[in-house]
Amino acid sequence: MDHKNDKKRWSTNEGQKVGHWLSIELDKPKLVNGINMNHGRSKNDYAPKYKIETSLNGKDWQSVGEFKGTAKLSIARFKDTEAKFIRLSILEKKGGYWSIHELDITGKEKTQKTVSSL
């Protein structure tokens, strides 16, 4: 995360709901092991509890875990998993939107798909 563009963001544009989700497609299958979500200026627009799932085809999903969100920066770490698709879903809501200013996907490979300004 470079925190250079804190003015753009992805948002639900409505109050959080259990089941809201965000899906990311990587350019090819990669070995991934974490997600960093920067909530930037929207530091209170985080999901207090969310799950991460991965898929190789966008249809068959495997859970890699449930995680707690925090204000400003939510960090999730899980065991190395091969994925082409990653889905984040809200399990517990709080008031406000769900906003992400930057999202980094971590893994073993040097060429990572970094999504900013979703």
Protein backbone atom coordinates (compact mmCIF):
# COMPACT_ATOMS: atom_id res chain seq x y z
CA MET A 1 0.00 0.00 0.00
CA ASP A 2 1.37 3.32 -0.93
CA HIS A 3 -1.44 5.47 0.54
CA LYS A 4 -0.93 7.91 -2.35
CA ASN A 5 -4.52 8.14 -3.53
CA ASP A 6 -6.65 8.41 -0.44
CA LYS A 7 -9.40 10.39 -2.19
CA LYS A 8 -10.74 7.55 -4.36
CA ARG A 9 -12.46 4.53 -2.90
CA TRP A 10 -14.72 1.57 -3.50
CA SER A 11 -17.88 1.70 -1.40
CA THR A 12 -21.18 -0.09 -0.94
CA ASN A 13 -22.87 3.35 -1.29
CA GLU A 14 -25.38 2.24 1.33
CA GLY A 15 -25.32 1.06 4.93
CA GLN A 16 -23.57 -2.23 5.51
CA LYS A 17 -25.59 -5.44 5.24
CA VAL A 18 -24.60 -8.95 6.19
CA GLY A 19 -23.88 -10.64 2.88
CA HIS A 20 -22.44 -7.61 1.07
CA TRP A 21 -19.50 -8.91 -0.94
CA LEU A 22 -16.63 -7.80 -3.15
CA SER A 23 -15.01 -10.09 -5.71
CA ILE A 24 -11.57 -9.66 -7.28
CA GLU A 25 -10.31 -11.47 -10.37
CA LEU A 26 -6.54 -11.85 -10.73
CA ASP A 27 -4.92 -12.00 -14.17
CA LYS A 28 -3.94 -15.65 -13.57
CA PRO A 29 -3.96 -18.13 -10.66
CA LYS A 30 -1.50 -17.07 -7.95
CA LEU A 31 -0.44 -18.28 -4.55
CA VAL A 32 -2.04 -15.83 -2.10
CA ASN A 33 -1.89 -15.63 1.71
CA GLY A 34 -3.38 -12.33 2.81
CA ILE A 35 -5.41 -9.19 2.19
CA ASN A 36 -4.69 -5.68 3.46
CA MET A 37 -7.63 -3.26 3.27
CA ASN A 38 -6.91 0.41 3.83
CA HIS A 39 -10.08 2.28 4.79
CA GLY A 40 -8.26 5.61 4.40
CA ARG A 41 -10.32 8.69 5.19
CA SER A 42 -13.30 6.39 5.72
CA LYS A 43 -11.65 4.83 8.77
CA ASN A 44 -14.97 3.89 10.36
CA ASP A 45 -16.36 2.27 7.21
CA TYR A 46 -14.98 -1.20 7.85
CA ALA A 47 -16.69 -4.57 8.26
CA PRO A 48 -16.26 -5.66 11.90
CA LYS A 49 -16.28 -9.32 10.81
CA TYR A 50 -15.82 -10.70 7.30
CA LYS A 51 -14.87 -13.89 5.52
CA ILE A 52 -12.51 -14.48 2.63
CA GLU A 53 -13.09 -17.16 0.01
CA THR A 54 -10.99 -18.16 -2.97
CA SER A 55 -11.73 -19.88 -6.25
CA LEU A 56 -9.91 -21.02 -9.36
CA ASN A 57 -12.97 -20.74 -11.62
CA GLY A 58 -15.25 -18.10 -10.01
CA LYS A 59 -17.93 -20.70 -9.27
CA ASP A 60 -16.54 -23.13 -6.69
CA TRP A 61 -15.47 -21.23 -3.55
CA GLN A 62 -13.36 -22.36 -0.58
CA SER A 63 -13.25 -20.41 2.68
CA VAL A 64 -9.80 -19.41 3.91
CA GLY A 65 -11.14 -17.94 7.14
CA GLU A 66 -13.13 -15.36 9.08
CA PHE A 67 -11.46 -12.14 10.16
CA LYS A 68 -12.03 -9.05 12.30
CA GLY A 69 -11.94 -5.66 10.62
CA THR A 70 -10.45 -2.60 12.27
CA ALA A 71 -10.63 1.14 11.69
CA LYS A 72 -8.18 2.51 9.13
CA LEU A 73 -6.52 -0.83 8.20
CA SER A 74 -7.92 -4.38 8.17
CA ILE A 75 -5.34 -7.15 7.80
CA ALA A 76 -6.14 -10.80 7.10
CA ARG A 77 -3.55 -13.59 6.91
CA PHE A 78 -4.22 -17.19 5.90
CA LYS A 79 -2.30 -20.23 4.67
CA ASP A 80 -0.94 -20.18 1.12
CA THR A 81 -3.81 -20.81 -1.28
CA GLU A 82 -3.88 -20.90 -5.07
CA ALA A 83 -6.55 -18.51 -6.35
CA LYS A 84 -7.66 -16.66 -9.46
CA PHE A 85 -10.71 -15.16 -7.71
CA ILE A 86 -11.01 -13.75 -4.18
CA ARG A 87 -14.29 -12.85 -2.50
CA LEU A 88 -14.73 -10.84 0.72
CA SER A 89 -18.16 -10.97 2.42
CA ILE A 90 -19.51 -9.11 5.46
CA LEU A 91 -20.50 -11.44 8.32
CA GLU A 92 -21.21 -8.70 10.92
CA LYS A 93 -22.29 -5.16 10.16
CA LYS A 94 -21.95 -1.81 11.82
CA GLY A 95 -23.37 1.57 10.90
CA GLY A 96 -22.10 3.29 7.79
CA TYR A 97 -20.83 2.16 4.44
CA TRP A 98 -18.19 -0.46 3.72
CA SER A 99 -15.37 1.50 2.07
CA ILE A 100 -11.95 0.48 0.79
CA HIS A 101 -9.44 3.05 -0.41
CA GLU A 102 -6.68 0.55 -1.20
CA LEU A 103 -6.56 -3.22 -1.25
CA ASP A 104 -3.36 -5.27 -1.44
CA ILE A 105 -3.23 -8.99 -1.99
CA THR A 106 -0.17 -10.68 -0.50
CA GLY A 107 1.42 -13.93 -1.56
CA LYS A 108 4.56 -15.81 -2.46
CA GLU A 109 4.96 -14.59 -6.02
CA LYS A 110 6.69 -11.33 -6.82
CA THR A 111 4.05 -10.29 -9.35
CA GLN A 112 1.02 -9.46 -7.26
CA LYS A 113 -2.31 -8.05 -8.37
CA THR A 114 -2.81 -4.89 -6.36
CA VAL A 115 -6.21 -3.26 -6.57
CA SER A 116 -6.44 0.37 -5.62
CA SER A 117 -9.37 2.70 -6.10
CA LEU A 118 -11.77 -0.19 -6.53
